[in-house]
């Protein structure tokens, strides 16, 4: 895996408050983002959180309306994990349950490119413990965000 390869497509797994916030921030920084959750209803809820955050940002003059629109247009929501095939960096942001996180990481390893970086947003578990059993644990990193 090259350490100089740029991140062109970022994905976030988990469309709750944390995942939606990470997706919105990444899109604010210019990244195309894929927001993934278990079903369309959860994805829609996450996109709604982002829409509200951006709307509030416009009202508070943090964003201009056209900037908020551009940010939102960089975010695609889906329940189809196969859409992750082209992602360069995938951030797991599901709730703090070790077994759930392990299942997500296993699934990510099977659907993502072999050189994609898989990150966890855990605040409770060791990254090395989450990476145990991965075919390529060297591609696992911790990226912790605060909501």
N, C-alpha and C. Protein backbone atom coordinates (compact mmCIF):
# COMPACT_ATOMS: atom_id res chain seq x y z
N UNK A 1 0.85 -1.17 0.00
CA UNK A 1 0.00 0.00 0.00
C UNK A 1 0.89 1.23 0.00
N UNK A 2 0.65 2.14 -0.91
CA UNK A 2 1.43 3.36 -1.00
C UNK A 2 1.00 4.36 0.06
N UNK A 3 1.95 4.97 0.72
CA UNK A 3 1.62 5.96 1.74
C UNK A 3 1.40 7.33 1.13
N UNK A 4 1.63 7.47 -0.18
CA UNK A 4 1.46 8.77 -0.82
C UNK A 4 0.23 8.85 -1.72
N UNK A 5 -0.54 7.78 -1.79
CA UNK A 5 -1.74 7.78 -2.63
C UNK A 5 -2.79 8.70 -2.02
N UNK A 6 -3.31 9.63 -2.80
CA UNK A 6 -4.30 10.57 -2.24
C UNK A 6 -5.66 9.90 -1.99
N UNK A 7 -6.39 10.46 -1.05
CA UNK A 7 -7.76 10.01 -0.79
C UNK A 7 -8.66 10.82 -1.72
N UNK A 8 -9.30 10.11 -2.64
CA UNK A 8 -10.21 10.77 -3.59
C UNK A 8 -11.67 10.53 -3.24
N UNK A 9 -11.96 9.36 -2.69
CA UNK A 9 -13.32 9.01 -2.28
C UNK A 9 -13.27 8.49 -0.86
N UNK A 10 -14.09 9.08 -0.01
CA UNK A 10 -14.14 8.71 1.39
C UNK A 10 -15.52 8.11 1.67
N UNK A 11 -15.58 7.12 2.52
CA UNK A 11 -16.87 6.53 2.89
C UNK A 11 -16.97 6.48 4.40
N UNK A 12 -18.21 6.58 4.89
CA UNK A 12 -18.48 6.49 6.31
C UNK A 12 -19.54 5.42 6.51
N UNK A 13 -19.28 4.50 7.43
CA UNK A 13 -20.23 3.44 7.75
C UNK A 13 -20.90 3.80 9.06
N UNK A 14 -22.21 3.97 8.99
CA UNK A 14 -23.00 4.37 10.15
C UNK A 14 -23.51 5.77 9.95
N UNK A 15 -24.82 5.90 9.79
CA UNK A 15 -25.43 7.20 9.48
C UNK A 15 -26.11 7.83 10.69
N UNK A 16 -25.64 7.48 11.89
CA UNK A 16 -26.16 8.12 13.08
C UNK A 16 -25.55 9.51 13.23
N UNK A 17 -25.65 10.06 14.43
CA UNK A 17 -25.13 11.42 14.64
C UNK A 17 -23.64 11.52 14.34
N UNK A 18 -22.87 10.55 14.83
CA UNK A 18 -21.42 10.59 14.63
C UNK A 18 -21.06 10.40 13.16
N UNK A 19 -21.58 9.36 12.54
CA UNK A 19 -21.26 9.09 11.14
C UNK A 19 -21.70 10.22 10.22
N UNK A 20 -22.89 10.75 10.48
CA UNK A 20 -23.38 11.87 9.67
C UNK A 20 -22.49 13.09 9.83
N UNK A 21 -22.05 13.33 11.06
CA UNK A 21 -21.15 14.46 11.30
C UNK A 21 -19.82 14.31 10.60
N UNK A 22 -19.28 13.10 10.63
CA UNK A 22 -18.01 12.84 9.93
C UNK A 22 -18.19 13.02 8.43
N UNK A 23 -19.28 12.48 7.89
CA UNK A 23 -19.55 12.61 6.45
C UNK A 23 -19.68 14.07 6.05
N UNK A 24 -20.41 14.84 6.83
CA UNK A 24 -20.60 16.26 6.52
C UNK A 24 -19.28 17.02 6.58
N UNK A 25 -18.47 16.75 7.59
CA UNK A 25 -17.18 17.43 7.71
C UNK A 25 -16.26 17.08 6.55
N UNK A 26 -16.22 15.81 6.17
CA UNK A 26 -15.37 15.40 5.05
C UNK A 26 -15.84 16.08 3.76
N UNK A 27 -17.15 16.13 3.55
CA UNK A 27 -17.69 16.80 2.36
C UNK A 27 -17.41 18.30 2.40
N UNK A 28 -17.43 18.88 3.59
CA UNK A 28 -17.10 20.30 3.74
C UNK A 28 -15.66 20.56 3.32
N UNK A 29 -14.81 19.58 3.56
CA UNK A 29 -13.39 19.71 3.18
C UNK A 29 -13.15 19.35 1.71
N UNK A 30 -14.22 19.04 0.97
CA UNK A 30 -14.11 18.82 -0.47
C UNK A 30 -14.11 17.38 -0.94
N UNK A 31 -14.23 16.43 -0.02
CA UNK A 31 -14.21 15.02 -0.41
C UNK A 31 -15.58 14.54 -0.87
N UNK A 32 -15.64 13.77 -1.95
CA UNK A 32 -16.87 13.04 -2.25
C UNK A 32 -17.02 11.96 -1.17
N UNK A 33 -18.22 11.83 -0.61
CA UNK A 33 -18.45 10.93 0.52
C UNK A 33 -19.60 9.99 0.21
N UNK A 34 -19.41 8.72 0.56
CA UNK A 34 -20.48 7.72 0.50
C UNK A 34 -20.85 7.41 1.94
N UNK A 35 -22.10 7.66 2.31
CA UNK A 35 -22.60 7.38 3.65
C UNK A 35 -23.42 6.10 3.60
N UNK A 36 -23.00 5.09 4.36
CA UNK A 36 -23.61 3.77 4.28
C UNK A 36 -24.22 3.39 5.63
N UNK A 37 -25.39 2.77 5.56
CA UNK A 37 -25.99 2.18 6.75
C UNK A 37 -26.76 0.94 6.33
N UNK A 38 -27.40 0.29 7.29
CA UNK A 38 -28.03 -1.01 7.05
C UNK A 38 -29.21 -0.98 6.09
N UNK A 39 -29.97 0.11 6.10
CA UNK A 39 -31.16 0.17 5.23
C UNK A 39 -31.41 1.61 4.82
N UNK A 40 -32.32 1.76 3.86
CA UNK A 40 -32.60 3.09 3.32
C UNK A 40 -33.15 4.05 4.36
N UNK A 41 -33.93 3.55 5.33
CA UNK A 41 -34.49 4.43 6.36
C UNK A 41 -33.37 5.03 7.22
N UNK A 42 -32.37 4.23 7.59
CA UNK A 42 -31.25 4.72 8.39
C UNK A 42 -30.41 5.71 7.57
N UNK A 43 -30.22 5.42 6.30
CA UNK A 43 -29.48 6.32 5.43
C UNK A 43 -30.23 7.65 5.33
N UNK A 44 -31.54 7.59 5.12
CA UNK A 44 -32.35 8.81 5.00
C UNK A 44 -32.28 9.64 6.28
N UNK A 45 -32.29 8.97 7.43
CA UNK A 45 -32.19 9.69 8.70
C UNK A 45 -30.84 10.42 8.77
N UNK A 46 -29.78 9.73 8.38
CA UNK A 46 -28.46 10.35 8.41
C UNK A 46 -28.36 11.54 7.47
N UNK A 47 -28.91 11.42 6.29
CA UNK A 47 -28.89 12.52 5.33
C UNK A 47 -29.73 13.69 5.85
N UNK A 48 -30.81 13.38 6.56
CA UNK A 48 -31.65 14.42 7.16
C UNK A 48 -30.88 15.18 8.24
N UNK A 49 -30.07 14.46 9.02
CA UNK A 49 -29.24 15.11 10.03
C UNK A 49 -28.27 16.08 9.35
N UNK A 50 -27.67 15.64 8.26
CA UNK A 50 -26.73 16.49 7.52
C UNK A 50 -27.46 17.70 6.96
N UNK A 51 -28.62 17.49 6.36
CA UNK A 51 -29.39 18.60 5.81
C UNK A 51 -29.69 19.64 6.89
N UNK A 52 -30.08 19.17 8.08
CA UNK A 52 -30.40 20.10 9.18
C UNK A 52 -29.16 20.85 9.64
N UNK A 53 -28.04 20.14 9.75
CA UNK A 53 -26.79 20.78 10.17
C UNK A 53 -26.38 21.86 9.17
N UNK A 54 -26.49 21.55 7.90
CA UNK A 54 -26.12 22.54 6.88
C UNK A 54 -27.09 23.72 6.88
N UNK A 55 -28.36 23.45 7.05
CA UNK A 55 -29.36 24.52 7.12
C UNK A 55 -29.08 25.43 8.32
N UNK A 56 -28.80 24.83 9.46
CA UNK A 56 -28.45 25.60 10.65
C UNK A 56 -27.19 26.43 10.40
N UNK A 57 -26.22 25.83 9.70
CA UNK A 57 -24.99 26.54 9.37
C UNK A 57 -25.22 27.76 8.50
N UNK A 58 -26.16 27.65 7.56
CA UNK A 58 -26.51 28.79 6.71
C UNK A 58 -27.17 29.88 7.56
N UNK A 59 -28.10 29.48 8.42
CA UNK A 59 -28.79 30.45 9.28
C UNK A 59 -27.81 31.17 10.21
N UNK A 60 -26.80 30.44 10.67
CA UNK A 60 -25.81 31.03 11.58
C UNK A 60 -24.66 31.69 10.82
N UNK A 61 -24.76 31.72 9.50
CA UNK A 61 -23.77 32.35 8.62
C UNK A 61 -22.39 31.67 8.68
N UNK A 62 -22.41 30.37 8.98
CA UNK A 62 -21.19 29.57 8.93
C UNK A 62 -20.92 29.18 7.48
N UNK A 63 -22.01 28.89 6.73
CA UNK A 63 -21.93 28.56 5.31
C UNK A 63 -22.81 29.51 4.52
N UNK A 64 -22.39 29.79 3.32
CA UNK A 64 -23.30 30.45 2.38
C UNK A 64 -24.19 29.35 1.82
N UNK A 65 -25.38 29.71 1.38
CA UNK A 65 -26.35 28.73 0.87
C UNK A 65 -25.75 27.90 -0.26
N UNK A 66 -25.02 28.53 -1.16
CA UNK A 66 -24.44 27.79 -2.29
C UNK A 66 -23.34 26.84 -1.83
N UNK A 67 -22.62 27.21 -0.78
CA UNK A 67 -21.60 26.31 -0.23
C UNK A 67 -22.24 25.11 0.43
N UNK A 68 -23.31 25.34 1.20
CA UNK A 68 -24.03 24.23 1.84
C UNK A 68 -24.58 23.28 0.79
N UNK A 69 -25.10 23.83 -0.29
CA UNK A 69 -25.64 23.00 -1.39
C UNK A 69 -24.52 22.16 -1.99
N UNK A 70 -23.36 22.76 -2.23
CA UNK A 70 -22.23 22.03 -2.81
C UNK A 70 -21.74 20.93 -1.86
N UNK A 71 -21.71 21.23 -0.56
CA UNK A 71 -21.31 20.22 0.43
C UNK A 71 -22.26 19.03 0.36
N UNK A 72 -23.55 19.33 0.38
CA UNK A 72 -24.57 18.26 0.37
C UNK A 72 -24.49 17.42 -0.90
N UNK A 73 -24.19 18.06 -2.02
CA UNK A 73 -24.10 17.34 -3.30
C UNK A 73 -22.91 16.39 -3.35
N UNK A 74 -21.93 16.58 -2.47
CA UNK A 74 -20.78 15.67 -2.42
C UNK A 74 -21.07 14.41 -1.61
N UNK A 75 -22.25 14.34 -0.97
CA UNK A 75 -22.58 13.20 -0.11
C UNK A 75 -23.65 12.34 -0.79
N UNK A 76 -23.33 11.06 -0.94
CA UNK A 76 -24.27 10.08 -1.47
C UNK A 76 -24.58 9.08 -0.37
N UNK A 77 -25.85 8.82 -0.14
CA UNK A 77 -26.24 7.83 0.85
C UNK A 77 -26.69 6.55 0.19
N UNK A 78 -26.37 5.42 0.82
CA UNK A 78 -26.77 4.13 0.26
C UNK A 78 -26.76 3.04 1.34
N UNK A 79 -27.54 2.01 1.08
CA UNK A 79 -27.48 0.79 1.91
C UNK A 79 -26.76 -0.32 1.14
N UNK A 80 -26.24 0.00 -0.03
CA UNK A 80 -25.57 -0.95 -0.91
C UNK A 80 -24.06 -0.90 -0.67
N UNK A 81 -23.55 -1.86 0.07
CA UNK A 81 -22.14 -1.88 0.44
C UNK A 81 -21.23 -2.07 -0.77
N UNK A 82 -21.74 -2.56 -1.88
CA UNK A 82 -20.89 -2.73 -3.07
C UNK A 82 -20.44 -1.37 -3.61
N UNK A 83 -21.11 -0.31 -3.23
CA UNK A 83 -20.73 1.05 -3.66
C UNK A 83 -19.40 1.48 -3.04
N UNK A 84 -18.90 0.71 -2.10
CA UNK A 84 -17.64 1.03 -1.43
C UNK A 84 -16.42 0.56 -2.21
N UNK A 85 -16.63 -0.13 -3.30
CA UNK A 85 -15.53 -0.73 -4.05
C UNK A 85 -14.47 0.28 -4.48
N UNK A 86 -14.84 1.51 -4.73
CA UNK A 86 -13.88 2.51 -5.19
C UNK A 86 -13.37 3.44 -4.11
N UNK A 87 -13.79 3.24 -2.87
CA UNK A 87 -13.39 4.14 -1.79
C UNK A 87 -11.92 3.96 -1.44
N UNK A 88 -11.26 5.07 -1.16
CA UNK A 88 -9.85 5.05 -0.75
C UNK A 88 -9.71 4.94 0.76
N UNK A 89 -10.65 5.55 1.48
CA UNK A 89 -10.65 5.56 2.94
C UNK A 89 -12.07 5.32 3.40
N UNK A 90 -12.26 4.32 4.26
CA UNK A 90 -13.57 4.00 4.80
C UNK A 90 -13.49 4.11 6.32
N UNK A 91 -14.37 4.93 6.89
CA UNK A 91 -14.37 5.15 8.33
C UNK A 91 -15.58 4.45 8.94
N UNK A 92 -15.31 3.51 9.81
CA UNK A 92 -16.37 2.81 10.55
C UNK A 92 -16.78 3.70 11.71
N UNK A 93 -18.08 4.05 11.76
CA UNK A 93 -18.59 4.92 12.83
C UNK A 93 -19.90 4.35 13.39
N UNK A 94 -19.91 3.04 13.62
CA UNK A 94 -21.09 2.41 14.21
C UNK A 94 -20.98 2.50 15.73
N UNK A 95 -22.06 2.12 16.43
CA UNK A 95 -22.07 2.24 17.88
C UNK A 95 -21.02 1.33 18.52
N UNK A 96 -20.69 1.64 19.76
CA UNK A 96 -19.58 1.01 20.47
C UNK A 96 -19.93 -0.39 20.98
N UNK A 97 -19.98 -1.32 20.06
CA UNK A 97 -20.16 -2.73 20.39
C UNK A 97 -19.07 -3.48 19.63
N UNK A 98 -18.16 -4.11 20.36
CA UNK A 98 -17.00 -4.74 19.75
C UNK A 98 -17.39 -5.72 18.64
N UNK A 99 -18.36 -6.59 18.91
CA UNK A 99 -18.75 -7.59 17.92
C UNK A 99 -19.34 -6.96 16.66
N UNK A 100 -20.12 -5.92 16.83
CA UNK A 100 -20.69 -5.22 15.67
C UNK A 100 -19.57 -4.58 14.85
N UNK A 101 -18.65 -3.93 15.54
CA UNK A 101 -17.52 -3.31 14.83
C UNK A 101 -16.70 -4.36 14.08
N UNK A 102 -16.43 -5.49 14.71
CA UNK A 102 -15.69 -6.56 14.04
C UNK A 102 -16.42 -7.05 12.80
N UNK A 103 -17.74 -7.22 12.89
CA UNK A 103 -18.53 -7.65 11.73
C UNK A 103 -18.44 -6.63 10.60
N UNK A 104 -18.52 -5.36 10.95
CA UNK A 104 -18.42 -4.30 9.94
C UNK A 104 -17.04 -4.33 9.28
N UNK A 105 -16.00 -4.46 10.08
CA UNK A 105 -14.64 -4.49 9.54
C UNK A 105 -14.44 -5.69 8.62
N UNK A 106 -14.95 -6.85 9.02
CA UNK A 106 -14.87 -8.03 8.15
C UNK A 106 -15.58 -7.79 6.82
N UNK A 107 -16.75 -7.19 6.89
CA UNK A 107 -17.50 -6.92 5.67
C UNK A 107 -16.75 -5.90 4.80
N UNK A 108 -16.18 -4.88 5.43
CA UNK A 108 -15.42 -3.88 4.68
C UNK A 108 -14.24 -4.52 3.98
N UNK A 109 -13.56 -5.42 4.66
CA UNK A 109 -12.41 -6.07 4.04
C UNK A 109 -12.82 -6.88 2.82
N UNK A 110 -14.05 -7.37 2.82
CA UNK A 110 -14.50 -8.17 1.67
C UNK A 110 -15.04 -7.33 0.52
N UNK A 111 -15.49 -6.10 0.78
CA UNK A 111 -16.08 -5.30 -0.30
C UNK A 111 -15.18 -4.16 -0.79
N UNK A 112 -14.20 -3.78 0.01
CA UNK A 112 -13.32 -2.68 -0.38
C UNK A 112 -12.12 -3.19 -1.15
N UNK A 113 -11.50 -2.28 -1.88
CA UNK A 113 -10.26 -2.61 -2.59
C UNK A 113 -9.21 -3.07 -1.59
N UNK A 114 -8.28 -3.92 -2.01
CA UNK A 114 -7.25 -4.40 -1.10
C UNK A 114 -6.34 -3.30 -0.55
N UNK A 115 -6.25 -2.17 -1.25
CA UNK A 115 -5.39 -1.08 -0.79
C UNK A 115 -6.17 0.04 -0.10
N UNK A 116 -7.47 -0.13 0.08
CA UNK A 116 -8.26 0.88 0.77
C UNK A 116 -7.89 0.89 2.25
N UNK A 117 -7.85 2.07 2.83
CA UNK A 117 -7.59 2.20 4.26
C UNK A 117 -8.91 2.05 4.99
N UNK A 118 -8.91 1.22 6.02
CA UNK A 118 -10.10 1.02 6.84
C UNK A 118 -9.81 1.65 8.20
N UNK A 119 -10.65 2.59 8.58
CA UNK A 119 -10.45 3.30 9.84
C UNK A 119 -11.61 3.02 10.79
N UNK A 120 -11.31 3.06 12.06
CA UNK A 120 -12.35 2.95 13.07
C UNK A 120 -12.42 4.24 13.87
N UNK A 121 -13.62 4.61 14.24
CA UNK A 121 -13.85 5.79 15.05
C UNK A 121 -14.07 5.40 16.52
N UNK A 122 -13.61 4.23 16.90
CA UNK A 122 -13.87 3.74 18.25
C UNK A 122 -13.32 4.67 19.32
N UNK A 123 -14.03 4.72 20.42
CA UNK A 123 -13.53 5.44 21.59
C UNK A 123 -13.32 4.47 22.75
N UNK A 124 -13.58 3.19 22.51
CA UNK A 124 -13.54 2.21 23.60
C UNK A 124 -12.56 1.06 23.39
N UNK A 125 -12.23 0.75 22.15
CA UNK A 125 -11.49 -0.48 21.87
C UNK A 125 -10.13 -0.17 21.24
N UNK A 126 -9.18 -1.08 21.47
CA UNK A 126 -7.87 -0.95 20.84
C UNK A 126 -8.00 -1.26 19.35
N UNK A 127 -7.38 -0.43 18.55
CA UNK A 127 -7.40 -0.64 17.10
C UNK A 127 -6.78 -1.99 16.77
N UNK A 128 -5.73 -2.37 17.47
CA UNK A 128 -5.08 -3.66 17.21
C UNK A 128 -6.03 -4.82 17.48
N UNK A 129 -6.88 -4.70 18.49
CA UNK A 129 -7.86 -5.75 18.77
C UNK A 129 -8.89 -5.84 17.65
N UNK A 130 -9.33 -4.69 17.14
CA UNK A 130 -10.30 -4.69 16.04
C UNK A 130 -9.67 -5.23 14.76
N UNK A 131 -8.36 -5.05 14.60
CA UNK A 131 -7.68 -5.50 13.38
C UNK A 131 -7.31 -6.98 13.41
N UNK A 132 -7.37 -7.61 14.58
CA UNK A 132 -7.02 -9.04 14.67
C UNK A 132 -7.94 -9.84 13.77
N UNK A 133 -7.32 -10.74 13.00
CA UNK A 133 -8.08 -11.58 12.10
C UNK A 133 -8.24 -11.01 10.70
N UNK A 134 -7.87 -9.76 10.51
CA UNK A 134 -7.95 -9.18 9.17
C UNK A 134 -6.87 -9.80 8.29
N UNK A 135 -7.17 -9.95 7.01
CA UNK A 135 -6.17 -10.43 6.07
C UNK A 135 -5.03 -9.42 5.93
N UNK A 136 -5.36 -8.13 6.04
CA UNK A 136 -4.36 -7.06 5.91
C UNK A 136 -4.53 -6.06 7.05
N UNK A 137 -4.12 -6.44 8.26
CA UNK A 137 -4.31 -5.54 9.41
C UNK A 137 -3.51 -4.24 9.30
N UNK A 138 -2.50 -4.23 8.45
CA UNK A 138 -1.69 -3.02 8.30
C UNK A 138 -2.49 -1.87 7.68
N UNK A 139 -3.64 -2.14 7.10
CA UNK A 139 -4.43 -1.07 6.50
C UNK A 139 -5.48 -0.52 7.46
N UNK A 140 -5.48 -0.99 8.70
CA UNK A 140 -6.44 -0.54 9.72
C UNK A 140 -5.83 0.58 10.53
N UNK A 141 -6.57 1.67 10.70
CA UNK A 141 -6.10 2.81 11.49
C UNK A 141 -7.24 3.29 12.40
N UNK A 142 -6.86 4.06 13.39
CA UNK A 142 -7.86 4.71 14.25
C UNK A 142 -7.95 6.17 13.88
N UNK A 143 -9.16 6.64 13.64
CA UNK A 143 -9.44 8.07 13.38
C UNK A 143 -10.60 8.43 14.29
N UNK A 144 -10.32 9.09 15.39
CA UNK A 144 -11.40 9.37 16.32
C UNK A 144 -11.87 10.81 16.20
N UNK A 145 -13.16 10.95 16.04
CA UNK A 145 -13.81 12.25 15.97
C UNK A 145 -14.67 12.42 17.20
N UNK A 146 -14.84 13.65 17.64
CA UNK A 146 -15.74 13.97 18.74
C UNK A 146 -16.97 14.65 18.17
N UNK A 147 -18.14 14.25 18.61
CA UNK A 147 -19.38 14.86 18.13
C UNK A 147 -19.70 16.07 18.96
